[in-house]
Amino acid sequence: HIAKRLYYTRLFAGRPGFIALDWLPAFIAANGAAADELFLLGAVPAEAQAIYRLVEEHGPIAIRALKKLLPPDARKTATGHLWELERRFLITVADAAPTATSGIWPTAGSPPPSPPLTA
């Protein structure tokens, strides 16, 4: 959210929505886990892990730029993997103004974004 009072996620039956920052710790406690733990347990597909690592390496990145870093066959499923990472509170959209379907996707541990929204 532009006023930095809300957190964007796809937690609600896969639909996008916002959570008040006051409620965010409770949602993460109930629905989130550390990326390394999820990866170790095999709870996140390898393709989603690769996307997470690219975002972690490059920082906030537009989806078009992110997809260019992926092999051609992985580009088709990238959006679904991004949504999975969102639902697990590992990344979030950082740009409400569509510039790459168009969010900027930083990891959830990134510092709070300045507009446009970051993940």
PDB file of N, CA and C in Angstrom:
ATOM      1  N   HIS A   1       0.849  -1.183   0.000  1.00  0.00           N
ATOM      2  CA  HIS A   1       0.000   0.000   0.000  1.00  0.00           C
ATOM      3  C   HIS A   1       0.880   1.226   0.000  1.00  0.00           C
ATOM      4  N   ILE A   2       0.478   2.227  -0.713  1.00  0.00           N
ATOM      5  CA  ILE A   2       1.323   3.397  -0.906  1.00  0.00           C
ATOM      6  C   ILE A   2       1.644   4.114   0.396  1.00  0.00           C
ATOM      7  N   ALA A   3       0.754   4.065   1.373  1.00  0.00           N
ATOM      8  CA  ALA A   3       1.008   4.715   2.658  1.00  0.00           C
ATOM      9  C   ALA A   3       1.776   3.787   3.600  1.00  0.00           C
ATOM     10  N   LYS A   4       2.154   2.620   3.102  1.00  0.00           N
ATOM     11  CA  LYS A   4       2.926   1.629   3.869  1.00  0.00           C
ATOM     12  C   LYS A   4       2.206   1.199   5.149  1.00  0.00           C
ATOM     13  N   ARG A   5       0.889   1.071   5.064  1.00  0.00           N
ATOM     14  CA  ARG A   5       0.113   0.616   6.212  1.00  0.00           C
ATOM     15  C   ARG A   5      -0.503  -0.748   5.978  1.00  0.00           C
ATOM     16  N   LEU A   6      -0.318  -1.279   4.772  1.00  0.00           N
ATOM     17  CA  LEU A   6      -0.897  -2.569   4.426  1.00  0.00           C
ATOM     18  C   LEU A   6       0.157  -3.443   3.759  1.00  0.00           C
ATOM     19  N   TYR A   7      -0.039  -4.758   3.869  1.00  0.00           N
ATOM     20  CA  TYR A   7       0.863  -5.734   3.259  1.00  0.00           C
ATOM     21  C   TYR A   7       0.055  -6.506   2.226  1.00  0.00           C
ATOM     22  N   TYR A   8       0.560  -6.589   1.004  1.00  0.00           N
ATOM     23  CA  TYR A   8      -0.118  -7.282  -0.091  1.00  0.00           C
ATOM     24  C   TYR A   8       0.212  -8.761  -0.060  1.00  0.00           C
ATOM     25  N   THR A   9      -0.790  -9.601  -0.264  1.00  0.00           N
ATOM     26  CA  THR A   9      -0.578 -11.041  -0.317  1.00  0.00           C
ATOM     27  C   THR A   9      -1.677 -11.712  -1.124  1.00  0.00           C
ATOM     28  N   ARG A  10      -1.493 -12.970  -1.436  1.00  0.00           N
ATOM     29  CA  ARG A  10      -2.506 -13.787  -2.114  1.00  0.00           C
ATOM     30  C   ARG A  10      -2.952 -14.912  -1.183  1.00  0.00           C
ATOM     31  N   LEU A  11      -3.064 -14.623   0.056  1.00  0.00           N
ATOM     32  CA  LEU A  11      -3.397 -15.621   1.059  1.00  0.00           C
ATOM     33  C   LEU A  11      -4.865 -16.039   1.020  1.00  0.00           C
ATOM     34  N   PHE A  12      -5.730 -15.201   0.565  1.00  0.00           N
ATOM     35  CA  PHE A  12      -7.168 -15.409   0.646  1.00  0.00           C
ATOM     36  C   PHE A  12      -7.674 -16.212  -0.544  1.00  0.00           C
ATOM     37  N   ALA A  13      -7.589 -17.527  -0.435  1.00  0.00           N
ATOM     38  CA  ALA A  13      -8.022 -18.439  -1.499  1.00  0.00           C
ATOM     39  C   ALA A  13      -7.349 -18.089  -2.825  1.00  0.00           C
ATOM     40  N   GLY A  14      -6.095 -17.668  -2.752  1.00  0.00           N
ATOM     41  CA  GLY A  14      -5.336 -17.339  -3.956  1.00  0.00           C
ATOM     42  C   GLY A  14      -5.666 -15.989  -4.552  1.00  0.00           C
ATOM     43  N   ARG A  15      -6.574 -15.275  -3.938  1.00  0.00           N
ATOM     44  CA  ARG A  15      -6.945 -13.951  -4.439  1.00  0.00           C
ATOM     45  C   ARG A  15      -6.087 -12.889  -3.747  1.00  0.00           C
ATOM     46  N   PRO A  16      -5.775 -11.818  -4.484  1.00  0.00           N
ATOM     47  CA  PRO A  16      -4.982 -10.763  -3.872  1.00  0.00           C
ATOM     48  C   PRO A  16      -5.767 -10.015  -2.804  1.00  0.00           C
ATOM     49  N   GLY A  17      -5.049  -9.563  -1.806  1.00  0.00           N
ATOM     50  CA  GLY A  17      -5.668  -8.796  -0.735  1.00  0.00           C
ATOM     51  C   GLY A  17      -4.612  -8.117   0.101  1.00  0.00           C
ATOM     52  N   PHE A  18      -5.050  -7.355   1.063  1.00  0.00           N
ATOM     53  CA  PHE A  18      -4.147  -6.618   1.923  1.00  0.00           C
ATOM     54  C   PHE A  18      -4.378  -7.003   3.376  1.00  0.00           C
ATOM     55  N   ILE A  19      -3.308  -6.972   4.152  1.00  0.00           N
ATOM     56  CA  ILE A  19      -3.371  -7.234   5.584  1.00  0.00           C
ATOM     57  C   ILE A  19      -2.817  -5.990   6.287  1.00  0.00           C
ATOM     58  N   ALA A  20      -3.507  -5.544   7.311  1.00  0.00           N
ATOM     59  CA  ALA A  20      -2.998  -4.424   8.097  1.00  0.00           C
ATOM     60  C   ALA A  20      -1.692  -4.853   8.755  1.00  0.00           C
ATOM     61  N   LEU A  21      -0.721  -3.960   8.794  1.00  0.00           N
ATOM     62  CA  LEU A  21       0.587  -4.296   9.361  1.00  0.00           C
ATOM     63  C   LEU A  21       0.484  -4.765  10.806  1.00  0.00           C
ATOM     64  N   ASP A  22      -0.510  -4.267  11.543  1.00  0.00           N
ATOM     65  CA  ASP A  22      -0.709  -4.722  12.926  1.00  0.00           C
ATOM     66  C   ASP A  22      -1.021  -6.215  12.983  1.00  0.00           C
ATOM     67  N   TRP A  23      -1.692  -6.723  11.964  1.00  0.00           N
ATOM     68  CA  TRP A  23      -2.092  -8.133  11.920  1.00  0.00           C
ATOM     69  C   TRP A  23      -1.049  -9.025  11.249  1.00  0.00           C
ATOM     70  N   LEU A  24      -0.089  -8.432  10.566  1.00  0.00           N
ATOM     71  CA  LEU A  24       0.878  -9.204   9.790  1.00  0.00           C
ATOM     72  C   LEU A  24       1.615 -10.265  10.612  1.00  0.00           C
ATOM     73  N   PRO A  25       2.126  -9.972  11.803  1.00  0.00           N
ATOM     74  CA  PRO A  25       2.816 -11.019  12.564  1.00  0.00           C
ATOM     75  C   PRO A  25       1.939 -12.245  12.846  1.00  0.00           C
ATOM     76  N   ALA A  26       0.669 -12.021  13.111  1.00  0.00           N
ATOM     77  CA  ALA A  26      -0.239 -13.148  13.365  1.00  0.00           C
ATOM     78  C   ALA A  26      -0.439 -13.984  12.108  1.00  0.00           C
ATOM     79  N   PHE A  27      -0.583 -13.335  10.960  1.00  0.00           N
ATOM     80  CA  PHE A  27      -0.748 -14.070   9.708  1.00  0.00           C
ATOM     81  C   PHE A  27       0.514 -14.857   9.369  1.00  0.00           C
ATOM     82  N   ILE A  28       1.675 -14.248   9.574  1.00  0.00           N
ATOM     83  CA  ILE A  28       2.927 -14.953   9.287  1.00  0.00           C
ATOM     84  C   ILE A  28       3.096 -16.138  10.245  1.00  0.00           C
ATOM     85  N   ALA A  29       2.772 -15.936  11.513  1.00  0.00           N
ATOM     86  CA  ALA A  29       2.883 -17.029  12.490  1.00  0.00           C
ATOM     87  C   ALA A  29       1.974 -18.191  12.107  1.00  0.00           C
ATOM     88  N   ALA A  30       0.813 -17.884  11.588  1.00  0.00           N
ATOM     89  CA  ALA A  30      -0.145 -18.928  11.238  1.00  0.00           C
ATOM     90  C   ALA A  30       0.117 -19.543   9.870  1.00  0.00           C
ATOM     91  N   ASN A  31       0.696 -18.783   8.947  1.00  0.00           N
ATOM     92  CA  ASN A  31       0.787 -19.233   7.558  1.00  0.00           C
ATOM     93  C   ASN A  31       2.186 -19.219   6.964  1.00  0.00           C
ATOM     94  N   GLY A  32       3.135 -18.620   7.624  1.00  0.00           N
ATOM     95  CA  GLY A  32       4.458 -18.470   7.041  1.00  0.00           C
ATOM     96  C   GLY A  32       5.479 -19.377   7.708  1.00  0.00           C
ATOM     97  N   ALA A  33       6.617 -19.480   7.089  1.00  0.00           N
ATOM     98  CA  ALA A  33       7.754 -20.234   7.622  1.00  0.00           C
ATOM     99  C   ALA A  33       9.001 -19.677   6.947  1.00  0.00           C
ATOM    100  N   ALA A  34      10.150 -19.966   7.505  1.00  0.00           N
ATOM    101  CA  ALA A  34      11.413 -19.505   6.926  1.00  0.00           C
ATOM    102  C   ALA A  34      11.651 -20.201   5.588  1.00  0.00           C
ATOM    103  N   ALA A  35      12.141 -19.440   4.627  1.00  0.00           N
ATOM    104  CA  ALA A  35      12.377 -19.982   3.293  1.00  0.00           C
ATOM    105  C   ALA A  35      13.276 -21.215   3.349  1.00  0.00           C
ATOM    106  N   ASP A  36      14.392 -21.121   4.064  1.00  0.00           N
ATOM    107  CA  ASP A  36      15.320 -22.251   4.118  1.00  0.00           C
ATOM    108  C   ASP A  36      14.657 -23.501   4.674  1.00  0.00           C
ATOM    109  N   GLU A  37      13.816 -23.320   5.682  1.00  0.00           N
ATOM    110  CA  GLU A  37      13.107 -24.457   6.277  1.00  0.00           C
ATOM    111  C   GLU A  37      12.161 -25.093   5.262  1.00  0.00           C
ATOM    112  N   LEU A  38      11.397 -24.267   4.552  1.00  0.00           N
ATOM    113  CA  LEU A  38      10.472 -24.785   3.545  1.00  0.00           C
ATOM    114  C   LEU A  38      11.214 -25.489   2.416  1.00  0.00           C
ATOM    115  N   PHE A  39      12.340 -24.930   2.013  1.00  0.00           N
ATOM    116  CA  PHE A  39      13.125 -25.524   0.936  1.00  0.00           C
ATOM    117  C   PHE A  39      13.693 -26.871   1.373  1.00  0.00           C
ATOM    118  N   LEU A  40      14.213 -26.920   2.587  1.00  0.00           N
ATOM    119  CA  LEU A  40      14.792 -28.150   3.115  1.00  0.00           C
ATOM    120  C   LEU A  40      13.752 -29.260   3.218  1.00  0.00           C
ATOM    121  N   LEU A  41      12.533 -28.898   3.604  1.00  0.00           N
ATOM    122  CA  LEU A  41      11.455 -29.872   3.739  1.00  0.00           C
ATOM    123  C   LEU A  41      10.857 -30.280   2.388  1.00  0.00           C
ATOM    124  N   GLY A  42      11.246 -29.592   1.329  1.00  0.00           N
ATOM    125  CA  GLY A  42      10.687 -29.888   0.007  1.00  0.00           C
ATOM    126  C   GLY A  42       9.273 -29.362  -0.167  1.00  0.00           C
ATOM    127  N   ALA A  43       8.880 -28.391   0.658  1.00  0.00           N
ATOM    128  CA  ALA A  43       7.521 -27.854   0.612  1.00  0.00           C
ATOM    129  C   ALA A  43       7.329 -26.828  -0.506  1.00  0.00           C
ATOM    130  N   VAL A  44       8.425 -26.398  -1.116  1.00  0.00           N
ATOM    131  CA  VAL A  44       8.368 -25.421  -2.206  1.00  0.00           C
ATOM    132  C   VAL A  44       9.037 -26.056  -3.416  1.00  0.00           C
ATOM    133  N   PRO A  45       8.367 -26.058  -4.571  1.00  0.00           N
ATOM    134  CA  PRO A  45       8.959 -26.665  -5.770  1.00  0.00           C
ATOM    135  C   PRO A  45      10.309 -26.030  -6.135  1.00  0.00           C
ATOM    136  N   ALA A  46      11.154 -26.805  -6.762  1.00  0.00           N
ATOM    137  CA  ALA A  46      12.487 -26.331  -7.159  1.00  0.00           C
ATOM    138  C   ALA A  46      12.406 -25.084  -8.029  1.00  0.00           C
ATOM    139  N   GLU A  47      11.406 -25.013  -8.904  1.00  0.00           N
ATOM    140  CA  GLU A  47      11.261 -23.852  -9.776  1.00  0.00           C
ATOM    141  C   GLU A  47      10.972 -22.591  -8.956  1.00  0.00           C
ATOM    142  N   ALA A  48      10.121 -22.713  -7.942  1.00  0.00           N
ATOM    143  CA  ALA A  48       9.814 -21.574  -7.078  1.00  0.00           C
ATOM    144  C   ALA A  48      11.046 -21.182  -6.263  1.00  0.00           C
ATOM    145  N   GLN A  49      11.818 -22.163  -5.828  1.00  0.00           N
ATOM    146  CA  GLN A  49      13.047 -21.881  -5.091  1.00  0.00           C
ATOM    147  C   GLN A  49      14.018 -21.091  -5.967  1.00  0.00           C
ATOM    148  N   ALA A  50      14.122 -21.475  -7.243  1.00  0.00           N
ATOM    149  CA  ALA A  50      15.017 -20.777  -8.166  1.00  0.00           C
ATOM    150  C   ALA A  50      14.579 -19.319  -8.335  1.00  0.00           C
ATOM    151  N   ILE A  51      13.278 -19.100  -8.424  1.00  0.00           N
ATOM    152  CA  ILE A  51      12.757 -17.741  -8.548  1.00  0.00           C
ATOM    153  C   ILE A  51      13.060 -16.954  -7.281  1.00  0.00           C
ATOM    154  N   TYR A  52      12.844 -17.572  -6.123  1.00  0.00           N
ATOM    155  CA  TYR A  52      13.133 -16.902  -4.855  1.00  0.00           C
ATOM    156  C   TYR A  52      14.604 -16.485  -4.809  1.00  0.00           C
ATOM    157  N   ARG A  53      15.489 -17.367  -5.207  1.00  0.00           N
ATOM    158  CA  ARG A  53      16.923 -17.065  -5.159  1.00  0.00           C
ATOM    159  C   ARG A  53      17.291 -15.920  -6.107  1.00  0.00           C
ATOM    160  N   LEU A  54      16.632 -15.867  -7.267  1.00  0.00           N
ATOM    161  CA  LEU A  54      16.880 -14.753  -8.188  1.00  0.00           C
ATOM    162  C   LEU A  54      16.443 -13.424  -7.564  1.00  0.00           C
ATOM    163  N   VAL A  55      15.278 -13.432  -6.930  1.00  0.00           N
ATOM    164  CA  VAL A  55      14.791 -12.212  -6.280  1.00  0.00           C
ATOM    165  C   VAL A  55      15.716 -11.836  -5.131  1.00  0.00           C
ATOM    166  N   GLU A  56      16.140 -12.835  -4.389  1.00  0.00           N
ATOM    167  CA  GLU A  56      17.054 -12.589  -3.272  1.00  0.00           C
ATOM    168  C   GLU A  56      18.373 -11.992  -3.782  1.00  0.00           C
ATOM    169  N   GLU A  57      18.853 -12.515  -4.892  1.00  0.00           N
ATOM    170  CA  GLU A  57      20.129 -12.057  -5.457  1.00  0.00           C
ATOM    171  C   GLU A  57      20.023 -10.656  -6.066  1.00  0.00           C
ATOM    172  N   HIS A  58      18.923 -10.392  -6.783  1.00  0.00           N
ATOM    173  CA  HIS A  58      18.789  -9.139  -7.526  1.00  0.00           C
ATOM    174  C   HIS A  58      18.034  -8.059  -6.760  1.00  0.00           C
ATOM    175  N   GLY A  59      17.379  -8.419  -5.668  1.00  0.00           N
ATOM    176  CA  GLY A  59      16.572  -7.439  -4.943  1.00  0.00           C
ATOM    177  C   GLY A  59      15.274  -7.189  -5.678  1.00  0.00           C
ATOM    178  N   PRO A  60      14.576  -6.106  -5.338  1.00  0.00           N
ATOM    179  CA  PRO A  60      13.317  -5.808  -6.025  1.00  0.00           C
ATOM    180  C   PRO A  60      13.519  -5.807  -7.532  1.00  0.00           C
ATOM    181  N   ILE A  61      12.660  -6.546  -8.218  1.00  0.00           N
ATOM    182  CA  ILE A  61      12.829  -6.723  -9.661  1.00  0.00           C
ATOM    183  C   ILE A  61      11.456  -6.829 -10.315  1.00  0.00           C
ATOM    184  N   ALA A  62      11.310  -6.200 -11.452  1.00  0.00           N
ATOM    185  CA  ALA A  62      10.062  -6.281 -12.212  1.00  0.00           C
ATOM    186  C   ALA A  62       9.917  -7.696 -12.762  1.00  0.00           C
ATOM    187  N   ILE A  63       8.681  -8.141 -12.892  1.00  0.00           N
ATOM    188  CA  ILE A  63       8.453  -9.519 -13.322  1.00  0.00           C
ATOM    189  C   ILE A  63       9.004  -9.769 -14.730  1.00  0.00           C
ATOM    190  N   ARG A  64       8.910  -8.801 -15.600  1.00  0.00           N
ATOM    191  CA  ARG A  64       9.458  -8.999 -16.953  1.00  0.00           C
ATOM    192  C   ARG A  64      10.966  -9.227 -16.899  1.00  0.00           C
ATOM    193  N   ALA A  65      11.648  -8.442 -16.092  1.00  0.00           N
ATOM    194  CA  ALA A  65      13.097  -8.611 -15.941  1.00  0.00           C
ATOM    195  C   ALA A  65      13.404  -9.957 -15.291  1.00  0.00           C
ATOM    196  N   LEU A  66      12.594 -10.333 -14.320  1.00  0.00           N
ATOM    197  CA  LEU A  66      12.786 -11.619 -13.653  1.00  0.00           C
ATOM    198  C   LEU A  66      12.609 -12.769 -14.633  1.00  0.00           C
ATOM    199  N   LYS A  67      11.564 -12.704 -15.442  1.00  0.00           N
ATOM    200  CA  LYS A  67      11.308 -13.780 -16.406  1.00  0.00           C
ATOM    201  C   LYS A  67      12.424 -13.895 -17.439  1.00  0.00           C
ATOM    202  N   LYS A  68      13.061 -12.776 -17.779  1.00  0.00           N
ATOM    203  CA  LYS A  68      14.177 -12.826 -18.729  1.00  0.00           C
ATOM    204  C   LYS A  68      15.369 -13.585 -18.160  1.00  0.00           C
ATOM    205  N   LEU A  69      15.463 -13.640 -16.834  1.00  0.00           N
ATOM    206  CA  LEU A  69      16.551 -14.366 -16.190  1.00  0.00           C
ATOM    207  C   LEU A  69      16.284 -15.872 -16.117  1.00  0.00           C
ATOM    208  N   LEU A  70      15.043 -16.268 -16.391  1.00  0.00           N
ATOM    209  CA  LEU A  70      14.655 -17.677 -16.317  1.00  0.00           C
ATOM    210  C   LEU A  70      14.838 -18.361 -17.662  1.00  0.00           C
ATOM    211  N   PRO A  71      15.047 -19.685 -17.641  1.00  0.00           N
ATOM    212  CA  PRO A  71      15.063 -20.420 -18.909  1.00  0.00           C
ATOM    213  C   PRO A  71      13.689 -20.303 -19.581  1.00  0.00           C
ATOM    214  N   PRO A  72      13.644 -20.347 -20.906  1.00  0.00           N
ATOM    215  CA  PRO A  72      12.370 -20.162 -21.617  1.00  0.00           C
ATOM    216  C   PRO A  72      11.228 -21.068 -21.129  1.00  0.00           C
ATOM    217  N   ASP A  73      11.509 -22.314 -20.829  1.00  0.00           N
ATOM    218  CA  ASP A  73      10.444 -23.219 -20.392  1.00  0.00           C
ATOM    219  C   ASP A  73       9.916 -22.871 -18.999  1.00  0.00           C
ATOM    220  N   ALA A  74      10.714 -22.203 -18.176  1.00  0.00           N
ATOM    221  CA  ALA A  74      10.293 -21.832 -16.822  1.00  0.00           C
ATOM    222  C   ALA A  74       9.467 -20.552 -16.804  1.00  0.00           C
ATOM    223  N   ARG A  75       9.525 -19.786 -17.863  1.00  0.00           N
ATOM    224  CA  ARG A  75       8.798 -18.506 -17.905  1.00  0.00           C
ATOM    225  C   ARG A  75       7.293 -18.698 -17.872  1.00  0.00           C
ATOM    226  N   LYS A  76       6.818 -19.792 -18.464  1.00  0.00           N
ATOM    227  CA  LYS A  76       5.375 -20.038 -18.546  1.00  0.00           C
ATOM    228  C   LYS A  76       4.752 -20.278 -17.176  1.00  0.00           C
ATOM    229  N   THR A  77       5.492 -20.856 -16.271  1.00  0.00           N
ATOM    230  CA  THR A  77       4.956 -21.195 -14.951  1.00  0.00           C
ATOM    231  C   THR A  77       5.412 -20.229 -13.860  1.00  0.00           C
ATOM    232  N   ALA A  78       6.173 -19.210 -14.231  1.00  0.00           N
ATOM    233  CA  ALA A  78       6.741 -18.288 -13.243  1.00  0.00           C
ATOM    234  C   ALA A  78       5.677 -17.595 -12.402  1.00  0.00           C
ATOM    235  N   THR A  79       4.602 -17.150 -13.023  1.00  0.00           N
ATOM    236  CA  THR A  79       3.571 -16.424 -12.279  1.00  0.00           C
ATOM    237  C   THR A  79       2.970 -17.297 -11.184  1.00  0.00           C
ATOM    238  N   GLY A  80       2.683 -18.534 -11.480  1.00  0.00           N
ATOM    239  CA  GLY A  80       2.144 -19.447 -10.464  1.00  0.00           C
ATOM    240  C   GLY A  80       3.114 -19.652  -9.314  1.00  0.00           C
ATOM    241  N   HIS A  81       4.391 -19.749  -9.620  1.00  0.00           N
ATOM    242  CA  HIS A  81       5.399 -19.915  -8.566  1.00  0.00           C
ATOM    243  C   HIS A  81       5.548 -18.635  -7.739  1.00  0.00           C
ATOM    244  N   LEU A  82       5.443 -17.489  -8.392  1.00  0.00           N
ATOM    245  CA  LEU A  82       5.479 -16.226  -7.654  1.00  0.00           C
ATOM    246  C   LEU A  82       4.310 -16.151  -6.683  1.00  0.00           C
ATOM    247  N   TRP A  83       3.135 -16.574  -7.138  1.00  0.00           N
ATOM    248  CA  TRP A  83       1.957 -16.558  -6.263  1.00  0.00           C
ATOM    249  C   TRP A  83       2.150 -17.496  -5.082  1.00  0.00           C
ATOM    250  N   GLU A  84       2.755 -18.651  -5.331  1.00  0.00           N
ATOM    251  CA  GLU A  84       3.015 -19.582  -4.223  1.00  0.00           C
ATOM    252  C   GLU A  84       3.959 -18.955  -3.199  1.00  0.00           C
ATOM    253  N   LEU A  85       4.993 -18.295  -3.677  1.00  0.00           N
ATOM    254  CA  LEU A  85       5.927 -17.631  -2.766  1.00  0.00           C
ATOM    255  C   LEU A  85       5.234 -16.511  -1.987  1.00  0.00           C
ATOM    256  N   GLU A  86       4.300 -15.826  -2.641  1.00  0.00           N
ATOM    257  CA  GLU A  86       3.514 -14.802  -1.944  1.00  0.00           C
ATOM    258  C   GLU A  86       2.672 -15.419  -0.827  1.00  0.00           C
ATOM    259  N   ARG A  87       1.964 -16.496  -1.150  1.00  0.00           N
ATOM    260  CA  ARG A  87       1.093 -17.141  -0.165  1.00  0.00           C
ATOM    261  C   ARG A  87       1.860 -17.627   1.049  1.00  0.00           C
ATOM    262  N   ARG A  88       3.129 -17.907   0.874  1.00  0.00           N
ATOM    263  CA  ARG A  88       3.966 -18.386   1.977  1.00  0.00           C
ATOM    264  C   ARG A  88       4.717 -17.244   2.666  1.00  0.00           C
ATOM    265  N   PHE A  89       4.399 -16.011   2.287  1.00  0.00           N
ATOM    266  CA  PHE A  89       5.016 -14.816   2.872  1.00  0.00           C
ATOM    267  C   PHE A  89       6.528 -14.776   2.644  1.00  0.00           C
ATOM    268  N   LEU A  90       6.992 -15.301   1.529  1.00  0.00           N
ATOM    269  CA  LEU A  90       8.416 -15.272   1.218  1.00  0.00           C
ATOM    270  C   LEU A  90       8.774 -14.078   0.342  1.00  0.00           C
ATOM    271  N   ILE A  91       7.840 -13.665  -0.508  1.00  0.00           N
ATOM    272  CA  ILE A  91       8.007 -12.461  -1.314  1.00  0.00           C
ATOM    273  C   ILE A  91       6.669 -11.737  -1.326  1.00  0.00           C
ATOM    274  N   THR A  92       6.689 -10.521  -1.808  1.00  0.00           N
ATOM    275  CA  THR A  92       5.456  -9.761  -1.979  1.00  0.00           C
ATOM    276  C   THR A  92       5.625  -8.797  -3.133  1.00  0.00           C
ATOM    277  N   VAL A  93       4.524  -8.309  -3.647  1.00  0.00           N
ATOM    278  CA  VAL A  93       4.562  -7.343  -4.737  1.00  0.00           C
ATOM    279  C   VAL A  93       4.918  -5.988  -4.158  1.00  0.00           C
ATOM    280  N   ALA A  94       5.761  -5.284  -4.862  1.00  0.00           N
ATOM    281  CA  ALA A  94       6.224  -4.000  -4.359  1.00  0.00           C
ATOM    282  C   ALA A  94       5.742  -2.832  -5.195  1.00  0.00           C
ATOM    283  N   ASP A  95       5.124  -3.081  -6.311  1.00  0.00           N
ATOM    284  CA  ASP A  95       4.728  -1.993  -7.198  1.00  0.00           C
ATOM    285  C   ASP A  95       3.274  -2.148  -7.576  1.00  0.00           C
ATOM    286  N   ALA A  96       2.435  -1.303  -7.027  1.00  0.00           N
ATOM    287  CA  ALA A  96       1.014  -1.378  -7.326  1.00  0.00           C
ATOM    288  C   ALA A  96       0.725  -0.882  -8.735  1.00  0.00           C
ATOM    289  N   ALA A  97       1.577  -0.030  -9.270  1.00  0.00           N
ATOM    290  CA  ALA A  97       1.401   0.444 -10.632  1.00  0.00           C
ATOM    291  C   ALA A  97       1.944  -0.612 -11.563  1.00  0.00           C
ATOM    292  N   PRO A  98       1.088  -1.220 -12.362  1.00  0.00           N
ATOM    293  CA  PRO A  98       1.550  -2.319 -13.213  1.00  0.00           C
ATOM    294  C   PRO A  98       2.707  -1.914 -14.106  1.00  0.00           C
ATOM    295  N   THR A  99       3.838  -2.523 -13.855  1.00  0.00           N
ATOM    296  CA  THR A  99       4.999  -2.317 -14.710  1.00  0.00           C
ATOM    297  C   THR A  99       5.626  -3.638 -15.057  1.00  0.00           C
ATOM    298  N   ALA A 100       4.951  -4.708 -14.739  1.00  0.00           N
ATOM    299  CA  ALA A 100       5.463  -6.017 -15.113  1.00  0.00           C
ATOM    300  C   ALA A 100       4.545  -7.075 -14.576  1.00  0.00           C
ATOM    301  N   THR A 101       3.370  -7.014 -14.855  1.00  0.00           N
ATOM    302  CA  THR A 101       2.283  -7.806 -14.265  1.00  0.00           C
ATOM    303  C   THR A 101       2.434  -7.771 -12.802  1.00  0.00           C
ATOM    304  N   SER A 102       2.664  -6.893 -12.448  1.00  0.00           N
ATOM    305  CA  SER A 102       3.801  -6.164 -12.784  1.00  0.00           C
ATOM    306  C   SER A 102       4.395  -5.668 -11.554  1.00  0.00           C
ATOM    307  N   GLY A 103       4.452  -6.442 -10.733  1.00  0.00           N
ATOM    308  CA  GLY A 103       5.035  -6.010  -9.492  1.00  0.00           C
ATOM    309  C   GLY A 103       6.524  -6.055  -9.518  1.00  0.00           C
ATOM    310  N   ILE A 104       7.060  -5.535  -8.498  1.00  0.00           N
ATOM    311  CA  ILE A 104       8.472  -5.712  -8.212  1.00  0.00           C
ATOM    312  C   ILE A 104       8.464  -6.734  -7.103  1.00  0.00           C
ATOM    313  N   TRP A 105       9.278  -7.721  -7.196  1.00  0.00           N
ATOM    314  CA  TRP A 105       9.202  -8.848  -6.278  1.00  0.00           C
ATOM    315  C   TRP A 105      10.441  -8.947  -5.411  1.00  0.00           C
ATOM    316  N   PRO A 106      10.493  -8.264  -4.274  1.00  0.00           N
ATOM    317  CA  PRO A 106      11.602  -8.488  -3.357  1.00  0.00           C
ATOM    318  C   PRO A 106      11.215  -9.548  -2.337  1.00  0.00           C
ATOM    319  N   THR A 107      12.172 -10.054  -1.655  1.00  0.00           N
ATOM    320  CA  THR A 107      11.870 -11.048  -0.628  1.00  0.00           C
ATOM    321  C   THR A 107      11.194 -10.372   0.545  1.00  0.00           C
ATOM    322  N   ALA A 108      10.434 -11.146   1.301  1.00  0.00           N
ATOM    323  CA  ALA A 108       9.685 -10.589   2.424  1.00  0.00           C
ATOM    324  C   ALA A 108      10.599  -9.996   3.487  1.00  0.00           C
ATOM    325  N   GLY A 109      11.835 -10.437   3.558  1.00  0.00           N
ATOM    326  CA  GLY A 109      12.757  -9.918   4.549  1.00  0.00           C
ATOM    327  C   GLY A 109      13.400  -8.601   4.150  1.00  0.00           C
ATOM    328  N   SER A 110      13.081  -8.113   2.956  1.00  0.00           N
ATOM    329  CA  SER A 110      13.644  -6.847   2.493  1.00  0.00           C
ATOM    330  C   SER A 110      13.145  -5.704   3.362  1.00  0.00           C
ATOM    331  N   PRO A 111      13.887  -4.616   3.408  1.00  0.00           N
ATOM    332  CA  PRO A 111      13.409  -3.458   4.170  1.00  0.00           C
ATOM    333  C   PRO A 111      12.092  -2.966   3.597  1.00  0.00           C
ATOM    334  N   PRO A 112      11.276  -2.286   4.381  1.00  0.00           N
ATOM    335  CA  PRO A 112      10.000  -1.787   3.870  1.00  0.00           C
ATOM    336  C   PRO A 112      10.229  -0.937   2.645  1.00  0.00           C
ATOM    337  N   PRO A 113       9.374  -1.128   1.638  1.00  0.00           N
ATOM    338  CA  PRO A 113       9.577  -0.439   0.383  1.00  0.00           C
ATOM    339  C   PRO A 113       9.107   1.006   0.427  1.00  0.00           C
ATOM    340  N   SER A 114       9.656   1.757  -0.492  1.00  0.00           N
ATOM    341  CA  SER A 114       9.102   3.067  -0.732  1.00  0.00           C
ATOM    342  C   SER A 114       8.305   2.920  -2.013  1.00  0.00           C
ATOM    343  N   PRO A 115       7.316   3.778  -2.225  1.00  0.00           N
ATOM    344  CA  PRO A 115       6.486   3.602  -3.414  1.00  0.00           C
ATOM    345  C   PRO A 115       7.359   3.582  -4.645  1.00  0.00           C
ATOM    346  N   PRO A 116       7.079   2.770  -5.599  1.00  0.00           N
ATOM    347  CA  PRO A 116       6.004   1.809  -5.659  1.00  0.00           C
ATOM    348  C   PRO A 116       6.216   0.656  -4.687  1.00  0.00           C
ATOM    349  N   LEU A 117       5.156  -0.096  -4.488  1.00  0.00           N
ATOM    350  CA  LEU A 117       5.198  -1.195  -3.534  1.00  0.00           C
ATOM    351  C   LEU A 117       6.286  -2.193  -3.866  1.00  0.00           C
ATOM    352  N   THR A 118       6.821  -2.840  -2.853  1.00  0.00           N
ATOM    353  CA  THR A 118       7.829  -3.863  -3.099  1.00  0.00           C
ATOM    354  C   THR A 118       7.437  -5.144  -2.402  1.00  0.00           C
ATOM    355  N   ALA A 119       8.087  -6.176  -2.799  1.00  0.00           N
ATOM    356  CA  ALA A 119       7.753  -7.445  -2.203  1.00  0.00           C
ATOM    357  C   ALA A 119       8.810  -7.874  -1.244  1.00  0.00           C
TER     358      ALA A 119
END
